[in-house]
Amino acid sequence: MIPPYLLYLGLTAAIELHREARQRGMLLMVGCMICTSLSIAPAAMLARHADFVDLDGPLWPKSDHPGGAALRGPALGVPAPALWAPGAALQQLHSLKL
């Protein structure tokens, strides 16, 4: 069993959790509760590697950060890169080898 405390430790722990789960042959879900786009920006980077994704939390509050997540047809458009990880940090996230 994967220790539950790993579920709440941020992006670095999420990457480790992903690796451990895949090694064990498990399916992965990335999700959120009601939040802003700033909260889901790191999750959006990991979502492309998940089997199930539920990141619609920023659609529920009355307002959100400029450049935040938005519905684009039936899909959720991810937050603008500058919202969370400008420059070199964004490049590192896009090149993650999970």
N, C-alpha and C. Protein backbone atom coordinates (compact mmCIF):
# COMPACT_ATOMS: atom_id res chain seq x y z
N MET A 1 0.84 -1.18 0.00
CA MET A 1 0.00 0.00 0.00
C MET A 1 0.88 1.24 0.00
N ILE A 2 0.48 2.25 -0.77
CA ILE A 2 1.21 3.51 -0.82
C ILE A 2 0.77 4.35 0.38
N PRO A 3 1.71 4.88 1.17
CA PRO A 3 1.34 5.65 2.36
C PRO A 3 0.46 6.84 2.01
N PRO A 4 -0.69 7.00 2.67
CA PRO A 4 -1.61 8.10 2.36
C PRO A 4 -0.99 9.49 2.50
N TYR A 5 0.00 9.65 3.37
CA TYR A 5 0.59 10.98 3.54
C TYR A 5 1.27 11.48 2.27
N LEU A 6 1.65 10.58 1.37
CA LEU A 6 2.26 11.01 0.12
C LEU A 6 1.28 11.74 -0.78
N LEU A 7 -0.01 11.57 -0.53
CA LEU A 7 -1.01 12.19 -1.37
C LEU A 7 -1.09 13.69 -1.18
N TYR A 8 -0.47 14.23 -0.16
CA TYR A 8 -0.64 15.64 0.17
C TYR A 8 0.66 16.42 0.27
N LEU A 9 1.72 15.98 -0.37
CA LEU A 9 3.02 16.60 -0.19
C LEU A 9 3.52 17.38 -1.40
N GLY A 10 2.71 17.63 -2.38
CA GLY A 10 3.11 18.48 -3.49
C GLY A 10 3.62 17.74 -4.72
N LEU A 11 4.15 18.52 -5.64
CA LEU A 11 4.55 18.00 -6.95
C LEU A 11 5.66 16.96 -6.86
N THR A 12 6.68 17.20 -6.05
CA THR A 12 7.77 16.24 -5.94
C THR A 12 7.26 14.89 -5.45
N ALA A 13 6.41 14.91 -4.42
CA ALA A 13 5.84 13.67 -3.91
C ALA A 13 4.92 13.03 -4.95
N ALA A 14 4.22 13.84 -5.72
CA ALA A 14 3.33 13.30 -6.75
C ALA A 14 4.11 12.55 -7.82
N ILE A 15 5.27 13.06 -8.17
CA ILE A 15 6.11 12.37 -9.16
C ILE A 15 6.58 11.03 -8.60
N GLU A 16 7.01 11.02 -7.35
CA GLU A 16 7.43 9.77 -6.70
C GLU A 16 6.26 8.79 -6.60
N LEU A 17 5.11 9.30 -6.23
CA LEU A 17 3.91 8.47 -6.11
C LEU A 17 3.56 7.86 -7.46
N HIS A 18 3.68 8.66 -8.52
CA HIS A 18 3.42 8.16 -9.87
C HIS A 18 4.35 7.01 -10.22
N ARG A 19 5.63 7.20 -9.98
CA ARG A 19 6.61 6.14 -10.30
C ARG A 19 6.32 4.86 -9.52
N GLU A 20 6.07 5.01 -8.23
CA GLU A 20 5.79 3.85 -7.38
C GLU A 20 4.52 3.13 -7.83
N ALA A 21 3.48 3.88 -8.12
CA ALA A 21 2.22 3.27 -8.55
C ALA A 21 2.39 2.52 -9.87
N ARG A 22 3.09 3.11 -10.82
CA ARG A 22 3.30 2.45 -12.11
C ARG A 22 4.13 1.18 -11.96
N GLN A 23 5.12 1.22 -11.08
CA GLN A 23 5.92 0.02 -10.84
C GLN A 23 5.07 -1.11 -10.28
N ARG A 24 4.03 -0.75 -9.56
CA ARG A 24 3.13 -1.75 -8.98
C ARG A 24 1.96 -2.09 -9.91
N GLY A 25 1.95 -1.52 -11.10
CA GLY A 25 0.91 -1.82 -12.08
C GLY A 25 -0.42 -1.16 -11.77
N MET A 26 -0.41 -0.08 -11.03
CA MET A 26 -1.65 0.58 -10.63
C MET A 26 -2.07 1.64 -11.65
N LEU A 27 -3.38 1.91 -11.72
CA LEU A 27 -3.90 3.02 -12.49
C LEU A 27 -3.76 4.29 -11.66
N LEU A 28 -3.72 5.45 -12.33
CA LEU A 28 -3.53 6.71 -11.63
C LEU A 28 -4.65 7.69 -11.94
N MET A 29 -5.03 8.47 -10.93
CA MET A 29 -5.99 9.54 -11.09
C MET A 29 -5.40 10.82 -10.52
N VAL A 30 -5.56 11.91 -11.26
CA VAL A 30 -5.20 13.24 -10.78
C VAL A 30 -6.50 14.00 -10.63
N GLY A 31 -6.74 14.55 -9.44
CA GLY A 31 -7.99 15.25 -9.21
C GLY A 31 -7.84 16.40 -8.24
N CYS A 32 -8.92 17.14 -8.06
CA CYS A 32 -8.92 18.28 -7.15
C CYS A 32 -10.33 18.49 -6.61
N MET A 33 -10.40 19.36 -5.64
CA MET A 33 -11.68 19.83 -5.11
C MET A 33 -11.88 21.25 -5.66
N ILE A 34 -12.79 22.01 -5.09
CA ILE A 34 -12.97 23.39 -5.52
C ILE A 34 -11.70 24.16 -5.19
N CYS A 35 -11.15 24.86 -6.18
CA CYS A 35 -9.87 25.54 -6.01
C CYS A 35 -9.70 26.58 -7.12
N THR A 36 -8.54 27.20 -7.17
CA THR A 36 -8.23 28.12 -8.26
C THR A 36 -7.31 27.42 -9.26
N SER A 37 -7.10 28.08 -10.38
CA SER A 37 -6.21 27.52 -11.39
C SER A 37 -4.78 27.42 -10.89
N LEU A 38 -4.39 28.29 -9.99
CA LEU A 38 -3.05 28.20 -9.43
C LEU A 38 -2.87 26.87 -8.71
N SER A 39 -3.92 26.38 -8.09
CA SER A 39 -3.86 25.11 -7.37
C SER A 39 -3.72 23.91 -8.29
N ILE A 40 -4.32 23.99 -9.47
CA ILE A 40 -4.26 22.81 -10.35
C ILE A 40 -3.14 22.87 -11.37
N ALA A 41 -2.42 23.98 -11.45
CA ALA A 41 -1.36 24.08 -12.45
C ALA A 41 -0.36 22.93 -12.36
N PRO A 42 0.16 22.59 -11.15
CA PRO A 42 1.08 21.44 -11.09
C PRO A 42 0.39 20.13 -11.48
N ALA A 43 -0.85 19.97 -11.06
CA ALA A 43 -1.59 18.74 -11.40
C ALA A 43 -1.79 18.62 -12.90
N ALA A 44 -1.99 19.75 -13.56
CA ALA A 44 -2.19 19.72 -15.01
C ALA A 44 -0.94 19.19 -15.72
N MET A 45 0.23 19.45 -15.14
CA MET A 45 1.47 18.93 -15.72
C MET A 45 1.54 17.40 -15.62
N LEU A 46 0.97 16.85 -14.55
CA LEU A 46 0.99 15.40 -14.34
C LEU A 46 -0.18 14.69 -14.99
N ALA A 47 -1.24 15.42 -15.30
CA ALA A 47 -2.47 14.82 -15.80
C ALA A 47 -2.27 14.04 -17.10
N ARG A 48 -1.36 14.48 -17.91
CA ARG A 48 -1.14 13.78 -19.19
C ARG A 48 -0.61 12.37 -18.99
N HIS A 49 -0.12 12.07 -17.79
CA HIS A 49 0.40 10.74 -17.47
C HIS A 49 -0.58 9.91 -16.65
N ALA A 50 -1.78 10.43 -16.42
CA ALA A 50 -2.76 9.75 -15.57
C ALA A 50 -3.77 8.99 -16.42
N ASP A 51 -4.41 8.01 -15.79
CA ASP A 51 -5.45 7.25 -16.47
C ASP A 51 -6.81 7.94 -16.36
N PHE A 52 -7.01 8.67 -15.28
CA PHE A 52 -8.24 9.40 -15.03
C PHE A 52 -7.89 10.79 -14.55
N VAL A 53 -8.63 11.80 -15.01
CA VAL A 53 -8.35 13.19 -14.64
C VAL A 53 -9.66 13.88 -14.27
N ASP A 54 -9.64 14.59 -13.13
CA ASP A 54 -10.79 15.38 -12.69
C ASP A 54 -10.26 16.69 -12.11
N LEU A 55 -10.04 17.67 -12.97
CA LEU A 55 -9.45 18.93 -12.55
C LEU A 55 -10.37 20.12 -12.82
N ASP A 56 -11.66 19.93 -12.62
CA ASP A 56 -12.60 21.01 -12.90
C ASP A 56 -12.82 21.96 -11.72
N GLY A 57 -12.04 21.84 -10.66
CA GLY A 57 -12.21 22.68 -9.48
C GLY A 57 -12.22 24.17 -9.73
N PRO A 58 -11.37 24.71 -10.65
CA PRO A 58 -11.37 26.15 -10.89
C PRO A 58 -12.62 26.66 -11.61
N LEU A 59 -13.45 25.78 -12.11
CA LEU A 59 -14.66 26.23 -12.81
C LEU A 59 -15.77 26.60 -11.85
N TRP A 60 -15.66 26.22 -10.60
CA TRP A 60 -16.74 26.43 -9.63
C TRP A 60 -16.72 27.80 -8.94
N PRO A 61 -15.58 28.36 -8.54
CA PRO A 61 -15.60 29.68 -7.90
C PRO A 61 -16.07 30.77 -8.87
N LYS A 62 -16.57 31.89 -8.32
CA LYS A 62 -17.05 32.99 -9.16
C LYS A 62 -15.92 33.65 -9.96
N SER A 63 -14.71 33.66 -9.41
CA SER A 63 -13.59 34.27 -10.13
C SER A 63 -12.35 33.42 -9.96
N ASP A 64 -11.41 33.63 -10.86
CA ASP A 64 -10.17 32.86 -10.87
C ASP A 64 -9.05 33.78 -11.33
N HIS A 65 -7.83 33.28 -11.34
CA HIS A 65 -6.68 34.05 -11.80
C HIS A 65 -6.78 34.30 -13.30
N PRO A 66 -6.33 35.46 -13.77
CA PRO A 66 -6.27 35.69 -15.23
C PRO A 66 -5.38 34.62 -15.87
N GLY A 67 -5.81 34.11 -17.00
CA GLY A 67 -5.04 33.06 -17.66
C GLY A 67 -5.29 31.69 -17.07
N GLY A 68 -6.32 31.57 -16.24
CA GLY A 68 -6.60 30.31 -15.56
C GLY A 68 -7.28 29.29 -16.46
N ALA A 69 -7.62 28.17 -15.87
CA ALA A 69 -8.29 27.09 -16.60
C ALA A 69 -9.65 27.57 -17.11
N ALA A 70 -10.08 27.04 -18.24
CA ALA A 70 -11.37 27.40 -18.81
C ALA A 70 -11.88 26.25 -19.66
N LEU A 71 -13.18 26.17 -19.80
CA LEU A 71 -13.75 25.16 -20.69
C LEU A 71 -13.49 25.57 -22.13
N ARG A 72 -13.04 24.63 -22.90
CA ARG A 72 -12.83 24.83 -24.33
C ARG A 72 -13.56 23.70 -25.02
N GLY A 73 -14.82 23.95 -25.34
CA GLY A 73 -15.68 22.88 -25.85
C GLY A 73 -15.92 21.90 -24.71
N PRO A 74 -15.78 20.62 -24.97
CA PRO A 74 -16.00 19.64 -23.91
C PRO A 74 -14.77 19.39 -23.02
N ALA A 75 -13.65 20.08 -23.33
CA ALA A 75 -12.41 19.83 -22.61
C ALA A 75 -12.06 21.02 -21.70
N LEU A 76 -11.26 20.73 -20.70
CA LEU A 76 -10.76 21.77 -19.81
C LEU A 76 -9.42 22.26 -20.34
N GLY A 77 -9.33 23.56 -20.64
CA GLY A 77 -8.07 24.15 -21.06
C GLY A 77 -7.22 24.40 -19.82
N VAL A 78 -5.98 23.98 -19.86
CA VAL A 78 -5.11 24.12 -18.69
C VAL A 78 -4.72 25.58 -18.49
N PRO A 79 -4.29 25.93 -17.27
CA PRO A 79 -3.87 27.30 -17.00
C PRO A 79 -2.70 27.71 -17.89
N ALA A 80 -2.62 29.00 -18.16
CA ALA A 80 -1.51 29.53 -18.95
C ALA A 80 -0.20 29.22 -18.23
N PRO A 81 0.85 28.86 -18.97
CA PRO A 81 2.13 28.51 -18.34
C PRO A 81 2.67 29.57 -17.38
N ALA A 82 2.51 30.83 -17.71
CA ALA A 82 3.04 31.90 -16.87
C ALA A 82 2.35 31.97 -15.51
N LEU A 83 1.18 31.37 -15.38
CA LEU A 83 0.46 31.41 -14.11
C LEU A 83 1.25 30.72 -13.01
N TRP A 84 1.92 29.64 -13.36
CA TRP A 84 2.57 28.84 -12.31
C TRP A 84 4.07 28.67 -12.48
N ALA A 85 4.52 28.38 -13.68
CA ALA A 85 5.93 28.01 -13.85
C ALA A 85 6.56 28.70 -15.05
N PRO A 86 6.90 29.97 -14.91
CA PRO A 86 7.49 30.66 -16.06
C PRO A 86 8.90 30.16 -16.38
N GLY A 87 9.28 30.35 -17.60
CA GLY A 87 10.67 30.13 -18.01
C GLY A 87 11.19 28.72 -17.88
N ALA A 88 12.37 28.61 -17.30
CA ALA A 88 13.09 27.34 -17.22
C ALA A 88 12.33 26.29 -16.42
N ALA A 89 11.61 26.72 -15.39
CA ALA A 89 10.86 25.75 -14.58
C ALA A 89 9.82 25.04 -15.43
N LEU A 90 9.17 25.77 -16.31
CA LEU A 90 8.17 25.17 -17.18
C LEU A 90 8.81 24.16 -18.12
N GLN A 91 9.97 24.48 -18.67
CA GLN A 91 10.66 23.55 -19.56
C GLN A 91 11.01 22.25 -18.84
N GLN A 92 11.43 22.36 -17.58
CA GLN A 92 11.75 21.17 -16.80
C GLN A 92 10.52 20.30 -16.61
N LEU A 93 9.39 20.92 -16.32
CA LEU A 93 8.17 20.14 -16.11
C LEU A 93 7.74 19.44 -17.39
N HIS A 94 7.83 20.12 -18.52
CA HIS A 94 7.42 19.50 -19.78
C HIS A 94 8.34 18.34 -20.19
N SER A 95 9.56 18.33 -19.69
CA SER A 95 10.49 17.28 -20.07
C SER A 95 10.56 16.15 -19.03
N LEU A 96 9.65 16.13 -18.06
CA LEU A 96 9.67 15.08 -17.05
C LEU A 96 9.57 13.70 -17.69
N LYS A 97 10.35 12.82 -17.22
CA LYS A 97 10.30 11.42 -17.66
C LYS A 97 9.65 10.62 -16.55
N LEU A 98 8.35 10.44 -16.64
CA LEU A 98 7.64 9.69 -15.61
C LEU A 98 7.51 8.28 -16.09
